[in-house]
N, C-alpha and C. Protein backbone atom coordinates (compact mmCIF):
# COMPACT_ATOMS: atom_id res chain seq x y z
N MET A 1 30.35 -18.87 -10.39
CA MET A 1 28.95 -19.49 -10.77
C MET A 1 28.11 -19.83 -10.20
N SER A 2 26.84 -20.43 -10.37
CA SER A 2 25.36 -20.57 -10.21
C SER A 2 25.16 -21.24 -11.17
N ILE A 3 24.67 -22.85 -10.51
CA ILE A 3 23.46 -23.33 -10.85
C ILE A 3 22.72 -24.10 -10.32
N THR A 4 21.50 -23.41 -11.24
CA THR A 4 20.35 -24.16 -10.46
C THR A 4 19.22 -25.11 -11.13
N LEU A 5 18.60 -25.76 -10.38
CA LEU A 5 18.18 -26.32 -11.53
C LEU A 5 15.96 -26.83 -10.00
N ALA A 6 15.10 -26.09 -10.45
CA ALA A 6 14.19 -26.51 -9.55
C ALA A 6 12.72 -27.16 -11.00
N ALA A 7 11.65 -27.40 -10.28
CA ALA A 7 10.88 -27.61 -10.24
C ALA A 7 9.40 -27.05 -9.89
N ILE A 8 9.47 -25.74 -10.87
CA ILE A 8 8.51 -24.68 -10.99
C ILE A 8 7.21 -24.67 -11.44
N GLY A 9 6.28 -25.03 -10.89
CA GLY A 9 4.24 -25.46 -11.63
C GLY A 9 4.67 -27.10 -12.84
N PRO A 10 4.40 -26.98 -13.91
CA PRO A 10 4.70 -27.51 -15.22
C PRO A 10 5.97 -28.01 -15.59
N GLU A 11 6.96 -27.18 -15.11
CA GLU A 11 8.20 -26.67 -15.54
C GLU A 11 9.92 -27.31 -14.99
N LEU A 12 10.19 -28.11 -15.61
CA LEU A 12 11.65 -28.58 -15.56
C LEU A 12 12.60 -26.69 -15.67
N VAL A 13 13.64 -25.89 -14.21
CA VAL A 13 13.74 -24.32 -14.86
C VAL A 13 15.58 -25.03 -14.47
N LEU A 14 16.42 -25.15 -15.49
CA LEU A 14 18.11 -25.20 -15.27
C LEU A 14 17.75 -23.51 -16.03
N ALA A 15 19.08 -23.19 -14.70
CA ALA A 15 19.58 -21.68 -14.89
C ALA A 15 21.39 -22.05 -14.69
N ILE A 16 21.79 -21.56 -15.61
CA ILE A 16 23.52 -21.68 -15.31
C ILE A 16 23.50 -20.14 -15.46
N ALA A 17 24.56 -18.90 -14.44
CA ALA A 17 25.13 -18.21 -14.73
C ALA A 17 26.62 -17.79 -14.40
N ASP A 18 27.14 -17.02 -14.63
CA ASP A 18 28.54 -16.68 -14.49
C ASP A 18 29.23 -15.47 -14.23
N ASP A 19 29.85 -14.88 -13.30
CA ASP A 19 30.43 -13.06 -13.24
C ASP A 19 31.22 -12.46 -15.11
N GLY A 20 31.55 -13.79 -15.53
CA GLY A 20 32.29 -13.84 -16.53
C GLY A 20 32.36 -11.98 -17.89
N VAL A 21 33.26 -12.37 -17.96
CA VAL A 21 32.77 -10.56 -19.56
C VAL A 21 30.93 -10.90 -20.12
N GLY A 22 30.63 -11.56 -20.37
CA GLY A 22 29.01 -11.75 -21.18
C GLY A 22 29.44 -11.82 -21.80
N ILE A 23 28.48 -11.79 -23.25
CA ILE A 23 28.32 -12.24 -24.63
C ILE A 23 27.45 -11.10 -25.55
N ASP A 24 27.91 -10.56 -26.21
CA ASP A 24 27.43 -9.13 -27.31
C ASP A 24 25.50 -10.00 -27.54
N PRO A 25 25.08 -9.53 -27.20
CA PRO A 25 23.83 -9.76 -27.69
C PRO A 25 23.66 -9.67 -28.94
N GLU A 26 24.27 -9.00 -30.17
CA GLU A 26 24.45 -9.11 -30.94
C GLU A 26 23.86 -10.69 -32.12
N LYS A 27 25.25 -11.22 -31.25
CA LYS A 27 25.77 -12.14 -31.49
C LYS A 27 25.12 -13.31 -31.44
N LEU A 28 24.28 -13.42 -30.15
CA LEU A 28 23.71 -14.17 -29.68
C LEU A 28 22.47 -14.52 -30.85
N GLU A 29 22.39 -13.92 -31.90
CA GLU A 29 21.30 -13.83 -33.37
C GLU A 29 22.23 -13.88 -34.29
N HIS A 30 23.35 -14.00 -34.11
CA HIS A 30 24.71 -13.98 -35.31
C HIS A 30 23.99 -15.05 -36.18
N PRO A 31 24.28 -15.72 -37.41
CA PRO A 31 24.16 -17.16 -37.94
C PRO A 31 25.65 -18.15 -37.74
N GLN A 32 26.21 -17.45 -37.13
CA GLN A 32 27.40 -18.07 -37.61
C GLN A 32 27.25 -18.87 -35.43
N SER A 33 26.55 -18.36 -34.92
CA SER A 33 26.81 -18.87 -33.19
C SER A 33 26.24 -20.36 -33.51
N HIS A 34 26.24 -21.36 -34.00
CA HIS A 34 25.45 -22.53 -34.17
C HIS A 34 25.89 -23.08 -32.79
N GLY A 35 26.52 -22.80 -31.80
CA GLY A 35 26.52 -23.47 -30.28
C GLY A 35 25.02 -22.82 -29.95
N ILE A 36 25.66 -21.69 -29.48
CA ILE A 36 23.25 -21.84 -28.92
C ILE A 36 22.32 -22.05 -29.77
N LEU A 37 22.30 -21.84 -31.34
CA LEU A 37 21.38 -21.81 -32.12
C LEU A 37 21.13 -23.55 -31.55
N GLY A 38 22.00 -24.72 -31.95
CA GLY A 38 21.96 -25.81 -31.46
C GLY A 38 21.37 -25.98 -30.07
N MET A 39 21.87 -25.14 -28.64
CA MET A 39 21.43 -26.16 -27.69
C MET A 39 19.63 -24.98 -28.03
N ARG A 40 18.97 -24.07 -28.81
CA ARG A 40 17.39 -23.74 -28.25
C ARG A 40 16.88 -24.57 -29.51
N GLN A 41 17.62 -25.77 -30.55
CA GLN A 41 17.01 -26.14 -31.24
C GLN A 41 16.51 -27.76 -30.89
N ARG A 42 17.52 -28.00 -29.72
CA ARG A 42 17.46 -29.32 -29.07
C ARG A 42 16.54 -28.91 -27.78
N ILE A 43 16.60 -27.62 -27.59
CA ILE A 43 15.81 -27.48 -25.84
C ILE A 43 14.00 -27.71 -26.81
N ALA A 44 14.11 -27.03 -27.96
CA ALA A 44 12.65 -26.66 -28.89
C ALA A 44 12.41 -28.10 -28.63
N GLN A 45 12.86 -29.04 -29.41
CA GLN A 45 12.68 -30.34 -30.07
C GLN A 45 11.92 -31.47 -28.48
N CYS A 46 11.74 -30.84 -27.45
CA CYS A 46 11.79 -31.16 -26.13
C CYS A 46 10.07 -30.30 -25.66
N GLY A 47 9.92 -29.81 -25.89
CA GLY A 47 8.94 -28.49 -26.29
C GLY A 47 9.61 -27.60 -25.08
N GLY A 48 10.15 -27.33 -24.86
CA GLY A 48 10.92 -26.42 -24.42
C GLY A 48 11.90 -24.93 -24.39
N GLN A 49 11.91 -23.91 -24.09
CA GLN A 49 12.96 -22.93 -24.38
C GLN A 49 13.95 -22.69 -23.76
N LEU A 50 14.75 -21.89 -24.80
CA LEU A 50 16.24 -21.37 -24.48
C LEU A 50 16.64 -20.03 -24.59
N SER A 51 17.05 -19.76 -22.75
CA SER A 51 17.11 -17.99 -22.95
C SER A 51 18.45 -18.03 -22.69
N VAL A 52 19.65 -16.51 -23.09
CA VAL A 52 20.51 -16.63 -22.81
C VAL A 52 20.60 -14.97 -22.52
N GLY A 53 21.09 -14.71 -21.79
CA GLY A 53 21.30 -12.87 -22.00
C GLY A 53 22.26 -12.66 -20.61
N THR A 54 22.41 -11.90 -20.19
CA THR A 54 23.01 -10.76 -18.68
C THR A 54 22.44 -11.79 -17.86
N GLY A 55 23.93 -11.87 -16.55
CA GLY A 55 23.69 -12.67 -15.63
C GLY A 55 23.09 -11.33 -14.94
N PRO A 56 22.38 -12.99 -13.55
CA PRO A 56 21.45 -11.78 -12.66
C PRO A 56 21.76 -10.02 -12.06
N ASP A 57 23.54 -10.36 -12.03
CA ASP A 57 23.36 -9.37 -11.30
C ASP A 57 24.12 -7.85 -12.31
N GLY A 58 23.72 -8.06 -13.45
CA GLY A 58 23.95 -7.63 -14.27
C GLY A 58 25.01 -7.46 -15.47
N GLY A 59 26.25 -8.37 -15.38
CA GLY A 59 27.18 -9.23 -15.70
C GLY A 59 27.52 -10.01 -16.12
N GLY A 60 27.91 -11.20 -16.28
CA GLY A 60 28.23 -11.73 -16.76
C GLY A 60 26.89 -12.64 -17.91
N THR A 61 26.43 -13.97 -17.79
CA THR A 61 26.08 -14.62 -18.80
C THR A 61 24.72 -15.33 -17.59
N MET A 62 23.61 -15.98 -18.12
CA MET A 62 23.06 -16.47 -17.77
C MET A 62 22.47 -17.45 -18.87
N VAL A 63 22.71 -18.80 -18.77
CA VAL A 63 21.23 -19.52 -19.71
C VAL A 63 20.88 -20.40 -19.00
N CYS A 64 19.59 -20.18 -18.92
CA CYS A 64 18.18 -20.60 -18.57
C CYS A 64 17.40 -21.43 -19.68
N ALA A 65 17.01 -22.93 -19.58
CA ALA A 65 16.85 -23.82 -20.07
C ALA A 65 15.48 -24.38 -19.19
N ARG A 66 13.95 -24.24 -19.78
CA ARG A 66 12.68 -24.34 -19.36
C ARG A 66 12.50 -25.50 -19.67
N LEU A 67 12.14 -26.73 -19.66
CA LEU A 67 11.44 -27.91 -19.98
C LEU A 67 10.54 -28.07 -19.37
N PRO A 68 9.29 -28.78 -20.28
CA PRO A 68 8.36 -29.55 -19.63
C PRO A 68 8.50 -30.85 -18.37
N ALA A 69 7.99 -30.66 -17.58
CA ALA A 69 8.35 -32.27 -16.47
C ALA A 69 7.31 -32.67 -16.99
N CYS A 70 8.39 -34.22 -16.57
CA CYS A 70 7.85 -35.20 -17.01
C CYS A 70 5.81 -36.36 -16.04
N ARG A 71 5.33 -36.53 -15.91
CA ARG A 71 4.40 -36.72 -15.51
C ARG A 71 4.10 -38.48 -15.77
N SER A 72 3.96 -38.71 -14.35
CA SER A 72 4.22 -40.27 -14.45
C SER A 72 2.68 -40.44 -13.73
């Protein structure tokens, strides 16, 4: 498992990847996927985007959240 948090330009990017069995792409868009849908909605409310897909090595799962960075 890896967890990365980085400031990239005007965004904060949080990426979490594992080497498990992964998630079937069809299930990601299924209405029963309330957990992922809820995460996407909460990130969108903050002006960001959430993506879920295959991990960087072609297996497992990667969840990536991109949010606007706060500037003070």
